[in-house]
PDB file of all heavy atoms in Angstrom:
ATOM      1  N   PRO A   1       0.824  -1.212  -0.005  1.00  0.00           N
ATOM      2  CA  PRO A   1       0.034  -0.007   0.036  1.00  0.00           C
ATOM      3  C   PRO A   1       0.849   1.302   0.036  1.00  0.00           C
ATOM      4  O   PRO A   1       2.052   1.229   0.384  1.00  0.00           O
ATOM      5  CB  PRO A   1      -0.831  -0.128   1.271  1.00  0.00           C
ATOM      6  CG  PRO A   1       0.003  -1.017   2.151  1.00  0.00           C
ATOM      7  CD  PRO A   1       0.728  -1.920   1.309  1.00  0.00           C
ATOM      8  N   SER A   2       0.259   2.415  -0.355  1.00  0.00           N
ATOM      9  CA  SER A   2       0.982   3.635  -0.382  1.00  0.00           C
ATOM     10  C   SER A   2       1.329   3.941   1.136  1.00  0.00           C
ATOM     11  O   SER A   2       0.728   3.405   2.032  1.00  0.00           O
ATOM     12  CB  SER A   2       0.105   4.668  -0.991  1.00  0.00           C
ATOM     13  OG  SER A   2      -1.057   4.856  -0.105  1.00  0.00           O
ATOM     14  N   PRO A   3       2.320   4.849   1.275  1.00  0.00           N
ATOM     15  CA  PRO A   3       2.750   5.113   2.696  1.00  0.00           C
ATOM     16  C   PRO A   3       1.628   5.510   3.616  1.00  0.00           C
ATOM     17  O   PRO A   3       1.560   5.184   4.809  1.00  0.00           O
ATOM     18  CB  PRO A   3       3.735   6.302   2.552  1.00  0.00           C
ATOM     19  CG  PRO A   3       4.285   6.064   1.167  1.00  0.00           C
ATOM     20  CD  PRO A   3       3.117   5.522   0.316  1.00  0.00           C
ATOM     21  N   GLY A   4       0.626   6.252   3.093  1.00  0.00           N
ATOM     22  CA  GLY A   4      -0.560   6.690   3.931  1.00  0.00           C
ATOM     23  C   GLY A   4      -1.394   5.515   4.325  1.00  0.00           C
ATOM     24  O   GLY A   4      -2.202   5.583   5.286  1.00  0.00           O
ATOM     25  N   ALA A   5      -1.350   4.414   3.591  1.00  0.00           N
ATOM     26  CA  ALA A   5      -2.101   3.236   3.895  1.00  0.00           C
ATOM     27  C   ALA A   5      -1.431   2.149   4.654  1.00  0.00           C
ATOM     28  O   ALA A   5      -1.919   1.030   4.762  1.00  0.00           O
ATOM     29  CB  ALA A   5      -2.712   2.699   2.540  1.00  0.00           C
ATOM     30  N   ARG A   6      -0.240   2.455   5.205  1.00  0.00           N
ATOM     31  CA  ARG A   6       0.536   1.426   5.867  1.00  0.00           C
ATOM     32  C   ARG A   6      -0.158   0.960   7.174  1.00  0.00           C
ATOM     33  O   ARG A   6      -0.458   1.771   8.051  1.00  0.00           O
ATOM     34  CB  ARG A   6       1.901   1.996   6.177  1.00  0.00           C
ATOM     35  CG  ARG A   6       2.674   0.840   6.814  1.00  0.00           C
ATOM     36  CD  ARG A   6       4.113   1.202   6.967  1.00  0.00           C
ATOM     37  NE  ARG A   6       4.817   0.027   7.528  1.00  0.00           N
ATOM     38  CZ  ARG A   6       6.068  -0.133   7.484  1.00  0.00           C
ATOM     39  NH1 ARG A   6       6.783   0.739   6.959  1.00  0.00           N
ATOM     40  NH2 ARG A   6       6.537  -1.274   8.048  1.00  0.00           N
ATOM     41  N   PRO A   7      -0.402  -0.300   7.269  1.00  0.00           N
ATOM     42  CA  PRO A   7      -1.077  -0.845   8.466  1.00  0.00           C
ATOM     43  C   PRO A   7      -0.099  -0.866   9.606  1.00  0.00           C
ATOM     44  O   PRO A   7       1.102  -1.062   9.456  1.00  0.00           O
ATOM     45  CB  PRO A   7      -1.416  -2.299   8.037  1.00  0.00           C
ATOM     46  CG  PRO A   7      -0.757  -2.552   6.752  1.00  0.00           C
ATOM     47  CD  PRO A   7      -0.148  -1.324   6.247  1.00  0.00           C
ATOM     48  N   THR A   8      -0.581  -0.505  10.804  1.00  0.00           N
ATOM     49  CA  THR A   8       0.242  -0.503  11.989  1.00  0.00           C
ATOM     50  C   THR A   8      -0.499  -1.150  13.138  1.00  0.00           C
ATOM     51  O   THR A   8      -1.713  -1.002  13.242  1.00  0.00           O
ATOM     52  CB  THR A   8       0.615   0.912  12.358  1.00  0.00           C
ATOM     53  OG1 THR A   8      -0.557   1.645  12.713  1.00  0.00           O
ATOM     54  CG2 THR A   8       1.418   1.635  11.328  1.00  0.00           C
ATOM     55  N   GLY A   9       0.263  -1.820  14.046  1.00  0.00           N
ATOM     56  CA  GLY A   9      -0.351  -2.353  15.272  1.00  0.00           C
ATOM     57  C   GLY A   9      -1.450  -3.308  14.980  1.00  0.00           C
ATOM     58  O   GLY A   9      -1.346  -4.210  14.138  1.00  0.00           O
ATOM     59  N   ARG A  10      -2.500  -3.260  15.732  1.00  0.00           N
ATOM     60  CA  ARG A  10      -3.560  -4.214  15.772  1.00  0.00           C
ATOM     61  C   ARG A  10      -4.707  -3.786  14.855  1.00  0.00           C
ATOM     62  O   ARG A  10      -5.811  -4.230  15.043  1.00  0.00           O
ATOM     63  CB  ARG A  10      -4.074  -4.377  17.138  1.00  0.00           C
ATOM     64  CG  ARG A  10      -3.035  -5.019  18.073  1.00  0.00           C
ATOM     65  CD  ARG A  10      -2.746  -6.419  17.727  1.00  0.00           C
ATOM     66  NE  ARG A  10      -3.947  -7.230  17.834  1.00  0.00           N
ATOM     67  CZ  ARG A  10      -4.272  -8.177  17.003  1.00  0.00           C
ATOM     68  NH1 ARG A  10      -3.433  -8.509  16.061  1.00  0.00           N
ATOM     69  NH2 ARG A  10      -5.395  -8.831  17.109  1.00  0.00           N
ATOM     70  N   GLU A  11      -4.509  -2.800  13.976  1.00  0.00           N
ATOM     71  CA  GLU A  11      -5.602  -2.470  13.012  1.00  0.00           C
ATOM     72  C   GLU A  11      -5.001  -2.116  11.670  1.00  0.00           C
ATOM     73  O   GLU A  11      -3.811  -1.762  11.642  1.00  0.00           O
ATOM     74  CB  GLU A  11      -6.501  -1.361  13.596  1.00  0.00           C
ATOM     75  CG  GLU A  11      -5.874   0.018  13.524  1.00  0.00           C
ATOM     76  CD  GLU A  11      -6.848   1.073  14.030  1.00  0.00           C
ATOM     77  OE1 GLU A  11      -7.925   1.302  13.418  1.00  0.00           O
ATOM     78  OE2 GLU A  11      -6.498   1.626  15.108  1.00  0.00           O
ATOM     79  N   VAL A  12      -5.808  -2.076  10.724  1.00  0.00           N
ATOM     80  CA  VAL A  12      -5.390  -1.599   9.384  1.00  0.00           C
ATOM     81  C   VAL A  12      -6.211  -0.302   9.102  1.00  0.00           C
ATOM     82  O   VAL A  12      -7.418  -0.324   9.221  1.00  0.00           O
ATOM     83  CB  VAL A  12      -5.725  -2.631   8.293  1.00  0.00           C
ATOM     84  CG1 VAL A  12      -5.396  -2.118   6.904  1.00  0.00           C
ATOM     85  CG2 VAL A  12      -4.943  -3.980   8.591  1.00  0.00           C
ATOM     86  N   ARG A  13      -5.460   0.762   8.820  1.00  0.00           N
ATOM     87  CA  ARG A  13      -6.125   2.009   8.442  1.00  0.00           C
ATOM     88  C   ARG A  13      -5.741   2.389   6.975  1.00  0.00           C
ATOM     89  O   ARG A  13      -4.480   2.396   6.675  1.00  0.00           O
ATOM     90  CB  ARG A  13      -5.608   3.123   9.322  1.00  0.00           C
ATOM     91  CG  ARG A  13      -6.067   3.009  10.685  1.00  0.00           C
ATOM     92  CD  ARG A  13      -5.453   4.156  11.546  1.00  0.00           C
ATOM     93  NE  ARG A  13      -5.864   4.057  12.958  1.00  0.00           N
ATOM     94  CZ  ARG A  13      -6.820   4.814  13.486  1.00  0.00           C
ATOM     95  NH1 ARG A  13      -7.414   5.789  12.736  1.00  0.00           N
ATOM     96  NH2 ARG A  13      -7.134   4.618  14.713  1.00  0.00           N
ATOM     97  N   ILE A  14      -6.742   2.617   6.214  1.00  0.00           N
ATOM     98  CA  ILE A  14      -6.512   3.030   4.823  1.00  0.00           C
ATOM     99  C   ILE A  14      -7.219   4.362   4.647  1.00  0.00           C
ATOM    100  O   ILE A  14      -8.452   4.418   4.604  1.00  0.00           O
ATOM    101  CB  ILE A  14      -7.117   2.044   3.795  1.00  0.00           C
ATOM    102  CG1 ILE A  14      -6.641   0.570   4.100  1.00  0.00           C
ATOM    103  CG2 ILE A  14      -6.749   2.406   2.389  1.00  0.00           C
ATOM    104  CD1 ILE A  14      -7.327  -0.501   3.214  1.00  0.00           C
ATOM    105  N   PRO A  15      -6.436   5.496   4.635  1.00  0.00           N
ATOM    106  CA  PRO A  15      -7.019   6.843   4.518  1.00  0.00           C
ATOM    107  C   PRO A  15      -7.733   7.023   3.137  1.00  0.00           C
ATOM    108  O   PRO A  15      -7.343   6.367   2.225  1.00  0.00           O
ATOM    109  CB  PRO A  15      -5.850   7.696   4.642  1.00  0.00           C
ATOM    110  CG  PRO A  15      -4.733   6.925   5.299  1.00  0.00           C
ATOM    111  CD  PRO A  15      -5.013   5.497   4.788  1.00  0.00           C
ATOM    112  N   ALA A  16      -8.634   7.926   3.123  1.00  0.00           N
ATOM    113  CA  ALA A  16      -9.346   8.328   1.864  1.00  0.00           C
ATOM    114  C   ALA A  16      -8.219   8.832   0.915  1.00  0.00           C
ATOM    115  O   ALA A  16      -7.242   9.491   1.321  1.00  0.00           O
ATOM    116  CB  ALA A  16     -10.334   9.430   2.175  1.00  0.00           C
ATOM    117  N   GLY A  17      -8.352   8.472  -0.330  1.00  0.00           N
ATOM    118  CA  GLY A  17      -7.410   8.831  -1.306  1.00  0.00           C
ATOM    119  C   GLY A  17      -6.214   7.902  -1.453  1.00  0.00           C
ATOM    120  O   GLY A  17      -5.454   8.033  -2.383  1.00  0.00           O
ATOM    121  N   SER A  18      -6.127   6.899  -0.607  1.00  0.00           N
ATOM    122  CA  SER A  18      -5.106   5.909  -0.795  1.00  0.00           C
ATOM    123  C   SER A  18      -5.214   5.149  -2.137  1.00  0.00           C
ATOM    124  O   SER A  18      -6.278   4.767  -2.543  1.00  0.00           O
ATOM    125  CB  SER A  18      -5.094   4.888   0.444  1.00  0.00           C
ATOM    126  OG  SER A  18      -4.764   5.573   1.620  1.00  0.00           O
ATOM    127  N   LEU A  19      -4.029   4.807  -2.687  1.00  0.00           N
ATOM    128  CA  LEU A  19      -4.019   4.126  -3.938  1.00  0.00           C
ATOM    129  C   LEU A  19      -4.004   2.638  -3.633  1.00  0.00           C
ATOM    130  O   LEU A  19      -3.200   2.085  -2.903  1.00  0.00           O
ATOM    131  CB  LEU A  19      -2.724   4.545  -4.697  1.00  0.00           C
ATOM    132  CG  LEU A  19      -2.571   3.844  -6.077  1.00  0.00           C
ATOM    133  CD1 LEU A  19      -3.700   4.261  -7.101  1.00  0.00           C
ATOM    134  CD2 LEU A  19      -1.218   4.165  -6.616  1.00  0.00           C
ATOM    135  N   LEU A  20      -4.930   1.898  -4.299  1.00  0.00           N
ATOM    136  CA  LEU A  20      -5.005   0.496  -4.210  1.00  0.00           C
ATOM    137  C   LEU A  20      -4.930   0.016  -5.650  1.00  0.00           C
ATOM    138  O   LEU A  20      -5.245   0.757  -6.604  1.00  0.00           O
ATOM    139  CB  LEU A  20      -6.357  -0.026  -3.569  1.00  0.00           C
ATOM    140  CG  LEU A  20      -6.670   0.572  -2.196  1.00  0.00           C
ATOM    141  CD1 LEU A  20      -8.015   0.049  -1.761  1.00  0.00           C
ATOM    142  CD2 LEU A  20      -5.587   0.021  -1.199  1.00  0.00           C
ATOM    143  N   THR A  21      -4.608  -1.297  -5.860  1.00  0.00           N
ATOM    144  CA  THR A  21      -4.553  -1.782  -7.156  1.00  0.00           C
ATOM    145  C   THR A  21      -5.495  -3.029  -7.227  1.00  0.00           C
ATOM    146  O   THR A  21      -5.533  -3.825  -6.378  1.00  0.00           O
ATOM    147  CB  THR A  21      -3.163  -2.210  -7.604  1.00  0.00           C
ATOM    148  OG1 THR A  21      -2.587  -3.120  -6.699  1.00  0.00           O
ATOM    149  CG2 THR A  21      -2.171  -1.002  -7.825  1.00  0.00           C
ATOM    150  N   MET A  22      -6.274  -3.053  -8.316  1.00  0.00           N
ATOM    151  CA  MET A  22      -7.173  -4.231  -8.528  1.00  0.00           C
ATOM    152  C   MET A  22      -6.702  -4.932  -9.824  1.00  0.00           C
ATOM    153  O   MET A  22      -6.326  -4.263 -10.760  1.00  0.00           O
ATOM    154  CB  MET A  22      -8.633  -3.764  -8.607  1.00  0.00           C
ATOM    155  CG  MET A  22      -9.003  -2.835  -9.716  1.00  0.00           C
ATOM    156  SD  MET A  22     -10.736  -2.405  -9.542  1.00  0.00           S
ATOM    157  CE  MET A  22     -10.981  -1.513 -11.097  1.00  0.00           C
ATOM    158  N   LYS A  23      -6.808  -6.257  -9.738  1.00  0.00           N
ATOM    159  CA  LYS A  23      -6.275  -7.041 -10.969  1.00  0.00           C
ATOM    160  C   LYS A  23      -7.466  -7.739 -11.505  1.00  0.00           C
ATOM    161  O   LYS A  23      -8.187  -8.461 -10.767  1.00  0.00           O
ATOM    162  CB  LYS A  23      -5.259  -7.987 -10.391  1.00  0.00           C
ATOM    163  CG  LYS A  23      -4.669  -8.922 -11.516  1.00  0.00           C
ATOM    164  CD  LYS A  23      -3.604  -9.908 -10.990  1.00  0.00           C
ATOM    165  CE  LYS A  23      -3.184 -10.839 -12.086  1.00  0.00           C
ATOM    166  NZ  LYS A  23      -2.291 -11.774 -11.470  1.00  0.00           N
ATOM    167  N   LEU A  24      -7.633  -7.551 -12.817  1.00  0.00           N
ATOM    168  CA  LEU A  24      -8.790  -8.197 -13.431  1.00  0.00           C
ATOM    169  C   LEU A  24      -8.565  -9.712 -13.506  1.00  0.00           C
ATOM    170  O   LEU A  24      -7.417 -10.166 -13.834  1.00  0.00           O
ATOM    171  CB  LEU A  24      -8.916  -7.718 -14.895  1.00  0.00           C
ATOM    172  CG  LEU A  24      -9.229  -6.237 -15.122  1.00  0.00           C
ATOM    173  CD1 LEU A  24      -9.338  -5.877 -16.577  1.00  0.00           C
ATOM    174  CD2 LEU A  24     -10.589  -5.901 -14.422  1.00  0.00           C
ATOM    175  N   THR A  25      -9.581 -10.473 -13.218  1.00  0.00           N
ATOM    176  CA  THR A  25      -9.630 -11.933 -13.294  1.00  0.00           C
ATOM    177  C   THR A  25     -10.297 -12.460 -14.553  1.00  0.00           C
ATOM    178  O   THR A  25     -10.281 -13.655 -14.735  1.00  0.00           O
ATOM    179  CB  THR A  25     -10.160 -12.596 -12.077  1.00  0.00           C
ATOM    180  OG1 THR A  25     -11.511 -12.145 -11.920  1.00  0.00           O
ATOM    181  CG2 THR A  25      -9.335 -12.205 -10.837  1.00  0.00           C
ATOM    182  N   ALA A  26     -10.841 -11.533 -15.338  1.00  0.00           N
ATOM    183  CA  ALA A  26     -11.490 -11.866 -16.569  1.00  0.00           C
ATOM    184  C   ALA A  26     -11.488 -10.690 -17.457  1.00  0.00           C
ATOM    185  O   ALA A  26     -11.286  -9.526 -17.040  1.00  0.00           O
ATOM    186  CB  ALA A  26     -13.004 -12.216 -16.366  1.00  0.00           C
ATOM    187  N   ASN A  27     -11.456 -10.854 -18.808  1.00  0.00           N
ATOM    188  CA  ASN A  27     -11.439  -9.704 -19.731  1.00  0.00           C
ATOM    189  C   ASN A  27     -12.647  -8.802 -19.431  1.00  0.00           C
ATOM    190  O   ASN A  27     -13.676  -9.293 -19.023  1.00  0.00           O
ATOM    191  CB  ASN A  27     -11.608 -10.206 -21.180  1.00  0.00           C
ATOM    192  CG  ASN A  27     -10.305 -10.896 -21.731  1.00  0.00           C
ATOM    193  OD1 ASN A  27      -9.313 -10.835 -21.148  1.00  0.00           O
ATOM    194  ND2 ASN A  27     -10.501 -11.577 -22.834  1.00  0.00           N
ATOM    195  N   LEU A  28     -12.387  -7.499 -19.641  1.00  0.00           N
ATOM    196  CA  LEU A  28     -13.413  -6.462 -19.463  1.00  0.00           C
ATOM    197  C   LEU A  28     -13.685  -5.812 -20.715  1.00  0.00           C
ATOM    198  O   LEU A  28     -12.790  -5.198 -21.271  1.00  0.00           O
ATOM    199  CB  LEU A  28     -12.938  -5.542 -18.352  1.00  0.00           C
ATOM    200  CG  LEU A  28     -13.816  -4.317 -18.064  1.00  0.00           C
ATOM    201  CD1 LEU A  28     -15.282  -4.656 -17.640  1.00  0.00           C
ATOM    202  CD2 LEU A  28     -13.153  -3.338 -17.077  1.00  0.00           C
ATOM    203  N   THR A  29     -14.918  -5.888 -21.186  1.00  0.00           N
ATOM    204  CA  THR A  29     -15.254  -5.251 -22.488  1.00  0.00           C
ATOM    205  C   THR A  29     -16.183  -4.022 -22.167  1.00  0.00           C
ATOM    206  O   THR A  29     -17.169  -4.058 -21.546  1.00  0.00           O
ATOM    207  CB  THR A  29     -16.047  -6.191 -23.385  1.00  0.00           C
ATOM    208  OG1 THR A  29     -15.169  -7.332 -23.687  1.00  0.00           O
ATOM    209  CG2 THR A  29     -16.333  -5.597 -24.737  1.00  0.00           C
ATOM    210  N   ILE A  30     -15.659  -2.847 -22.793  1.00  0.00           N
ATOM    211  CA  ILE A  30     -16.386  -1.619 -22.587  1.00  0.00           C
ATOM    212  C   ILE A  30     -16.889  -1.211 -23.967  1.00  0.00           C
ATOM    213  O   ILE A  30     -16.124  -1.254 -24.965  1.00  0.00           O
ATOM    214  CB  ILE A  30     -15.381  -0.469 -22.089  1.00  0.00           C
ATOM    215  CG1 ILE A  30     -14.683  -0.912 -20.834  1.00  0.00           C
ATOM    216  CG2 ILE A  30     -16.161   0.816 -21.929  1.00  0.00           C
ATOM    217  CD1 ILE A  30     -15.538  -1.111 -19.665  1.00  0.00           C
ATOM    218  N   GLU A  31     -18.237  -0.923 -24.014  1.00  0.00           N
ATOM    219  CA  GLU A  31     -18.844  -0.388 -25.276  1.00  0.00           C
ATOM    220  C   GLU A  31     -18.799   1.052 -25.289  1.00  0.00           C
ATOM    221  O   GLU A  31     -19.129   1.705 -24.379  1.00  0.00           O
ATOM    222  CB  GLU A  31     -20.211  -0.938 -25.389  1.00  0.00           C
ATOM    223  CG  GLU A  31     -20.253  -2.483 -25.690  1.00  0.00           C
ATOM    224  CD  GLU A  31     -21.663  -2.999 -26.017  1.00  0.00           C
ATOM    225  OE1 GLU A  31     -22.537  -2.158 -26.358  1.00  0.00           O
ATOM    226  OE2 GLU A  31     -21.846  -4.114 -25.899  1.00  0.00           O
TER     227      GLU A  31
END
């Protein structure tokens, strides 16, 4: 995760605006 989204201690905090990546598991067709 981006530095702002680094988990610490006993919880995971992901601030608004944090960059995440999603990986497609199937082709995506846009019309």
